[in-house]
Amino acid sequence: MTLSPQYVYVKGPTSEVGQISQVGIEVNVEGAVADVTGAAEPVLYDANGNQLTLDDSVEILTDSVTYDLVILKTKLLGLDFVVTGEVADGYRYTGIECDVTSVPVEGLKSTLASLNTILVQDPSLNVEGATRDKLCTIDLNSYLPPNVNIVGMDEERIEVTLKVEALETENISVDADTVILEGMNSRYEYELGSDSVEITVRGLAEDLDRLRTEGVEAYANVSGLAPGEHAVGLDFNLDDSYELVDSEALMINVSEGDGTAGGNTNGGDAAEAADLNAGAGNASGQTEDATD
C-alpha cells in the first residue's frame, strides 16, 4: 500500500499525545477484485494496537491520508519435479507419488501471468544407486519466484516418494508361425525348422504380464540366403519398457521352389512376380486377337 503523506502530525498535551504509538488508516477491501484507491481519516493507536479516543485537546493536523492499495492476484500452479540420478542395475525408477500436485499462490498480476508451474529442483530428488522407494521432504517456499507467496495451505512442506521397482527376468515362447519373414525371394521356398523360439526379456512384473498376453512381434531377415539350412537371428518389436536379454535363432531351410514364395511373406517379391505373370498373360491375349 502506498500512503501520502507518510507522516501525520498531532498536537496536544504531552499526557495525551504520549499515549499514541502509531497512526494508521482503515480501508475496506471486501469483495475487491482490482486495485483500490481513495482517502481516509487518520486513526490513532496505542502500543497494544488498540484504537485511541482522545479528548478535544488533541488535534490531528492532517485531515486525511490518500492511499493506493494493490490487490494481489491468485493462481493455481502445478508442481514440476526434476529427478536426477540412475537407480542400481536391475531396478527402474517408475515415477513420483505426491498428494500435492498443485499449489495456490498470490502475487502481482504481471508476475503470475508468465507462471504455470513451480520448478522443484531439490537435491534430495536423486535416485542414484537406489534399490527401493525414497521419501523426500520438500520446502516449497524455496522454489517460489520473488514476490510470490503460497496461500491457503496449512503446511508448505510436502512429502514426495520416488518410486523404484525391481526388474524381473522371464523366458517367453514365440510361435514360429507368427515370425514375419522379410526379404523373401520368389524363387525359393522357406521352411521353419522349429515350432517356437525362446526369448529372455527383462522388465517390470506388470509389463511382463502384458507382454505374455499380447505376444511379441518377431521379424527374420532372409534376404540373401542361399538354398540350405540357416540359423537366423530375430528382431523383436519391443518398446522401452523391456530389455531383450537373450534370444534363440530360428532355423530356416531354404530350397529351390516353383516360383511361388512359401511361408510368411511381406508381399514384396511375390507381388512383383504376380504382376509380371499377369502382364505376360495380357500380352499373349493381345497376340491371339491380332492373329484372329
Protein backbone atom coordinates (compact mmCIF):
# COMPACT_ATOMS: atom_id res chain seq x y z
CA MET A 1 0.00 0.00 0.00
CA THR A 2 1.22 3.48 -0.88
CA LEU A 3 0.26 6.32 1.51
CA SER A 4 0.51 10.08 1.15
CA PRO A 5 1.58 11.75 3.33
CA GLN A 6 3.66 9.17 5.14
CA TYR A 7 3.75 11.20 8.36
CA VAL A 8 0.92 12.63 10.45
CA TYR A 9 1.45 15.44 12.96
CA VAL A 10 -0.51 15.52 16.20
CA LYS A 11 -0.74 18.49 18.59
CA GLY A 12 -1.83 18.34 22.23
CA PRO A 13 -0.84 17.85 25.86
CA THR A 14 2.09 15.54 26.47
CA SER A 15 -0.02 13.29 28.68
CA GLU A 16 -2.43 12.71 25.81
CA VAL A 17 -0.02 12.64 22.87
CA GLY A 18 2.29 10.30 24.79
CA GLN A 19 -0.35 7.57 24.57
CA ILE A 20 -0.09 7.49 20.78
CA SER A 21 2.17 4.74 19.48
CA GLN A 22 1.18 4.63 15.83
CA VAL A 23 -1.18 6.15 13.29
CA GLY A 24 -2.97 4.30 10.51
CA ILE A 25 -5.99 4.28 8.26
CA GLU A 26 -8.76 1.77 7.75
CA VAL A 27 -9.54 0.54 4.21
CA ASN A 28 -12.43 -1.75 3.35
CA VAL A 29 -11.38 -4.27 0.66
CA GLU A 30 -14.39 -6.57 0.98
CA GLY A 31 -15.13 -8.00 -2.50
CA ALA A 32 -12.37 -6.00 -4.18
CA VAL A 33 -11.11 -7.55 -7.43
CA ALA A 34 -8.99 -4.63 -8.61
CA ASP A 35 -6.60 -2.12 -7.04
CA VAL A 36 -8.24 0.24 -4.52
CA THR A 37 -7.52 3.97 -4.21
CA GLY A 38 -9.05 6.67 -2.01
CA ALA A 39 -8.61 8.78 1.10
CA ALA A 40 -9.28 8.09 4.79
CA GLU A 41 -9.04 9.90 8.12
CA PRO A 42 -6.04 9.02 10.31
CA VAL A 43 -6.73 6.66 13.24
CA LEU A 44 -4.64 6.72 16.43
CA TYR A 45 -3.46 3.52 18.18
CA ASP A 46 -1.69 2.75 21.45
CA ALA A 47 1.29 0.40 21.90
CA ASN A 48 -1.04 -2.62 22.05
CA GLY A 49 -2.70 -1.78 18.78
CA ASN A 50 -5.91 -0.55 20.38
CA GLN A 51 -7.67 2.42 18.83
CA LEU A 52 -7.46 5.57 20.95
CA THR A 53 -10.21 8.06 21.63
CA LEU A 54 -8.61 11.22 22.96
CA ASP A 55 -10.25 14.42 24.19
CA ASP A 56 -10.62 17.60 22.20
CA SER A 57 -7.27 18.88 23.45
CA VAL A 58 -5.58 16.64 20.89
CA GLU A 59 -5.59 17.91 17.34
CA ILE A 60 -4.60 15.88 14.28
CA LEU A 61 -3.04 18.35 11.89
CA THR A 62 -3.56 16.10 8.86
CA ASP A 63 -7.20 15.80 7.85
CA SER A 64 -6.89 12.81 5.52
CA VAL A 65 -4.42 10.33 4.02
CA THR A 66 -4.65 9.16 0.43
CA TYR A 67 -3.90 5.53 -0.34
CA ASP A 68 -3.23 3.25 -3.31
CA LEU A 69 -3.73 -0.42 -2.43
CA VAL A 70 -2.62 -3.11 -4.87
CA ILE A 71 -4.87 -6.19 -4.78
CA LEU A 72 -2.77 -9.33 -5.28
CA LYS A 73 -3.99 -11.97 -7.72
CA THR A 74 -4.18 -15.69 -7.01
CA LYS A 75 -3.35 -18.59 -9.31
CA LEU A 76 -3.06 -22.37 -9.09
CA LEU A 77 0.40 -23.57 -10.15
CA GLY A 78 1.34 -27.17 -10.90
CA LEU A 79 4.46 -28.77 -9.45
CA ASP A 80 7.22 -29.88 -11.81
CA PHE A 81 9.70 -32.15 -10.00
CA VAL A 82 13.17 -32.67 -11.51
CA VAL A 83 14.57 -36.09 -10.58
CA THR A 84 18.24 -36.91 -11.20
CA GLY A 85 20.50 -39.96 -10.88
CA GLU A 86 20.41 -43.57 -12.05
CA VAL A 87 18.99 -46.40 -9.98
CA ALA A 88 21.03 -49.56 -9.31
CA ASP A 89 21.33 -52.18 -12.04
CA GLY A 90 18.28 -54.43 -12.09
CA TYR A 91 15.94 -51.66 -10.91
CA ARG A 92 13.88 -48.95 -12.56
CA TYR A 93 12.67 -45.53 -11.44
CA THR A 94 8.93 -45.51 -12.18
CA GLY A 95 7.81 -42.04 -11.12
CA ILE A 96 6.76 -39.76 -8.29
CA GLU A 97 3.97 -40.11 -5.76
CA CYS A 98 2.83 -36.91 -4.03
CA ASP A 99 -0.52 -35.93 -2.53
CA VAL A 100 0.08 -32.33 -3.62
CA THR A 101 0.06 -31.79 -7.37
CA SER A 102 -0.68 -28.06 -7.49
CA VAL A 103 -0.29 -25.07 -5.16
CA PRO A 104 -2.37 -21.87 -4.79
CA VAL A 105 -0.20 -18.75 -4.82
CA GLU A 106 -0.68 -14.99 -4.76
CA GLY A 107 1.31 -12.21 -6.36
CA LEU A 108 1.12 -9.30 -8.75
CA LYS A 109 -0.86 -9.91 -11.91
CA SER A 110 2.18 -9.15 -14.06
CA THR A 111 4.27 -11.67 -12.11
CA LEU A 112 1.74 -14.51 -12.23
CA ALA A 113 0.94 -14.02 -15.92
CA SER A 114 4.01 -15.97 -17.07
CA LEU A 115 3.86 -18.65 -14.36
CA ASN A 116 2.16 -22.03 -14.87
CA THR A 117 4.31 -24.36 -12.80
CA ILE A 118 6.73 -24.33 -9.89
CA LEU A 119 10.01 -25.98 -10.88
CA VAL A 120 11.26 -28.06 -7.96
CA GLN A 121 14.96 -28.95 -8.34
CA ASP A 122 15.70 -30.19 -4.85
CA PRO A 123 19.00 -32.05 -4.20
CA SER A 124 17.08 -34.77 -2.36
CA LEU A 125 15.25 -35.71 -5.57
CA ASN A 126 18.06 -38.06 -6.57
CA VAL A 127 17.75 -41.83 -7.14
CA GLU A 128 21.45 -42.59 -7.69
CA GLY A 129 22.04 -46.27 -6.82
CA ALA A 130 18.55 -46.67 -5.33
CA THR A 131 17.11 -50.17 -4.78
CA ARG A 132 13.87 -49.10 -3.08
CA ASP A 133 11.47 -46.18 -2.76
CA LYS A 134 12.90 -42.92 -1.44
CA LEU A 135 10.92 -40.46 0.72
CA CYS A 136 11.83 -36.77 0.40
CA THR A 137 10.58 -33.70 2.27
CA ILE A 138 10.46 -30.52 0.18
CA ASP A 139 10.00 -26.93 1.37
CA LEU A 140 8.06 -25.32 -1.48
CA ASN A 141 8.94 -21.80 -0.31
CA SER A 142 12.49 -22.41 -1.53
CA TYR A 143 11.25 -22.63 -5.14
CA LEU A 144 8.85 -19.70 -5.35
CA PRO A 145 9.75 -16.73 -7.55
CA PRO A 146 10.29 -13.38 -5.79
CA ASN A 147 7.12 -11.65 -4.55
CA VAL A 148 5.04 -14.82 -4.89
CA ASN A 149 3.59 -16.48 -1.79
CA ILE A 150 1.70 -19.69 -1.08
CA VAL A 151 -1.83 -19.16 0.26
CA GLY A 152 -4.49 -21.47 1.65
CA MET A 153 -2.17 -24.32 2.68
CA ASP A 154 -1.72 -25.46 6.27
CA GLU A 155 1.73 -26.90 5.55
CA GLU A 156 4.13 -25.64 2.92
CA ARG A 157 6.50 -28.59 3.35
CA ILE A 158 5.38 -31.60 1.33
CA GLU A 159 6.44 -35.25 1.16
CA VAL A 160 7.42 -36.80 -2.15
CA THR A 161 8.05 -40.51 -2.77
CA LEU A 162 10.39 -41.52 -5.59
CA LYS A 163 9.18 -44.94 -6.73
CA VAL A 164 11.81 -47.61 -7.52
CA GLU A 165 10.90 -51.15 -8.56
CA ALA A 166 12.96 -54.28 -9.15
CA LEU A 167 13.10 -55.69 -12.68
CA GLU A 168 12.20 -59.33 -13.32
CA THR A 169 13.57 -61.67 -15.97
CA GLU A 170 11.32 -64.10 -17.79
CA ASN A 171 11.53 -66.58 -20.67
CA ILE A 172 8.79 -66.14 -23.26
CA SER A 173 7.95 -68.51 -26.10
CA VAL A 174 7.29 -67.01 -29.54
CA ASP A 175 5.38 -69.16 -32.05
CA ALA A 176 7.50 -69.62 -35.15
CA ASP A 177 4.41 -69.35 -37.36
CA THR A 178 3.99 -65.73 -36.24
CA VAL A 179 7.51 -64.70 -37.29
CA ILE A 180 7.40 -62.35 -40.29
CA LEU A 181 9.98 -63.25 -42.95
CA GLU A 182 11.35 -60.15 -44.65
CA GLY A 183 13.24 -60.07 -47.97
CA MET A 184 11.93 -63.37 -49.36
CA ASN A 185 12.95 -64.41 -52.84
CA SER A 186 10.10 -65.67 -55.02
CA ARG A 187 12.39 -68.37 -56.47
CA TYR A 188 12.82 -70.02 -53.08
CA GLU A 189 10.68 -71.81 -50.55
CA TYR A 190 11.21 -71.26 -46.81
CA GLU A 191 10.55 -73.91 -44.20
CA LEU A 192 10.76 -73.19 -40.47
CA GLY A 193 12.84 -75.67 -38.53
CA SER A 194 11.04 -75.34 -35.17
CA ASP A 195 7.62 -74.59 -33.74
CA SER A 196 8.80 -71.81 -31.45
CA VAL A 197 11.78 -69.82 -30.23
CA GLU A 198 12.58 -68.78 -26.67
CA ILE A 199 13.49 -65.22 -25.75
CA THR A 200 14.59 -63.83 -22.39
CA VAL A 201 13.15 -60.45 -21.52
CA ARG A 202 13.67 -58.19 -18.50
CA GLY A 203 11.12 -55.65 -17.28
CA LEU A 204 8.62 -54.77 -14.59
CA ALA A 205 6.30 -57.58 -13.47
CA GLU A 206 3.13 -55.89 -14.75
CA ASP A 207 4.75 -55.16 -18.13
CA LEU A 208 5.85 -58.78 -18.49
CA ASP A 209 2.30 -59.91 -17.75
CA ARG A 210 1.06 -57.67 -20.55
CA LEU A 211 3.72 -59.00 -22.91
CA ARG A 212 2.65 -62.59 -22.26
CA THR A 213 -0.95 -61.66 -23.01
CA GLU A 214 -0.36 -59.57 -26.13
CA GLY A 215 2.54 -61.59 -27.55
CA VAL A 216 5.74 -60.43 -29.27
CA GLU A 217 6.13 -59.35 -32.90
CA ALA A 218 9.22 -61.01 -34.38
CA TYR A 219 10.96 -60.50 -37.72
CA ALA A 220 13.55 -62.55 -39.62
CA ASN A 221 15.57 -61.06 -42.48
CA VAL A 222 16.03 -63.81 -45.07
CA SER A 223 17.26 -61.64 -47.91
CA GLY A 224 20.42 -63.03 -49.48
CA LEU A 225 20.00 -66.53 -48.03
CA ALA A 226 21.04 -69.26 -50.49
CA PRO A 227 19.45 -72.74 -50.51
CA GLY A 228 20.34 -74.65 -47.36
CA GLU A 229 19.69 -74.55 -43.63
CA HIS A 230 20.37 -71.31 -41.79
CA ALA A 231 20.23 -70.11 -38.17
CA VAL A 232 18.66 -66.66 -38.48
CA GLY A 233 18.67 -64.11 -35.68
CA LEU A 234 15.38 -62.41 -34.99
CA ASP A 235 14.42 -58.79 -34.46
CA PHE A 236 11.64 -58.02 -31.99
CA ASN A 237 9.21 -55.15 -31.73
CA LEU A 238 9.74 -54.29 -28.05
CA ASP A 239 9.25 -50.81 -26.59
CA ASP A 240 11.45 -49.16 -23.98
CA SER A 241 9.63 -50.97 -21.18
CA TYR A 242 11.59 -54.12 -21.96
CA GLU A 243 15.19 -55.21 -22.26
CA LEU A 244 15.97 -58.17 -24.53
CA VAL A 245 18.48 -60.27 -22.61
CA ASP A 246 18.81 -63.24 -24.98
CA SER A 247 17.01 -64.93 -27.88
CA GLU A 248 17.29 -68.15 -29.81
CA ALA A 249 17.95 -68.18 -33.53
CA LEU A 250 15.24 -69.52 -35.82
CA MET A 251 16.28 -72.41 -38.07
CA ILE A 252 15.09 -71.80 -41.63
CA ASN A 253 15.57 -74.22 -44.54
CA VAL A 254 15.75 -72.52 -47.94
CA SER A 255 15.12 -74.61 -51.07
CA GLU A 256 14.52 -74.11 -54.77
CA GLY A 257 10.80 -73.54 -55.34
CA ASP A 258 8.29 -73.41 -58.16
CA GLY A 259 8.30 -69.61 -58.32
CA THR A 260 5.73 -69.12 -55.56
CA ALA A 261 7.14 -67.99 -52.23
CA GLY A 262 6.18 -70.14 -49.27
CA GLY A 263 5.89 -69.43 -45.56
CA ASN A 264 5.34 -65.95 -44.14
CA THR A 265 5.93 -63.10 -46.57
CA ASN A 266 5.85 -59.33 -46.56
CA GLY A 267 4.32 -59.42 -50.06
CA GLY A 268 7.17 -57.66 -51.86
CA ASP A 269 8.81 -60.14 -54.29
CA ALA A 270 5.74 -62.36 -54.54
CA ALA A 271 3.51 -59.49 -55.57
CA GLU A 272 6.08 -58.39 -58.17
CA ALA A 273 6.16 -61.88 -59.70
CA ALA A 274 2.36 -61.96 -59.85
CA ASP A 275 2.28 -58.65 -61.72
CA LEU A 276 4.84 -59.88 -64.25
CA ASN A 277 2.87 -63.09 -64.88
CA ALA A 278 -0.33 -61.09 -65.33
CA GLY A 279 1.43 -58.82 -67.79
CA ALA A 280 2.65 -61.81 -69.77
CA GLY A 281 -0.89 -63.17 -69.95
CA ASN A 282 -2.26 -59.89 -71.30
CA ALA A 283 0.44 -59.74 -73.97
CA SER A 284 -0.41 -63.29 -75.07
CA GLY A 285 -4.10 -62.43 -75.32
CA GLN A 286 -3.39 -59.41 -77.50
CA THR A 287 -1.31 -61.55 -79.89
CA GLU A 288 -4.12 -64.08 -80.32
CA ASP A 289 -6.65 -61.33 -81.08
CA ALA A 290 -4.38 -59.85 -83.70
CA THR A 291 -4.00 -63.29 -85.31
CA ASP A 292 -7.74 -63.89 -85.43
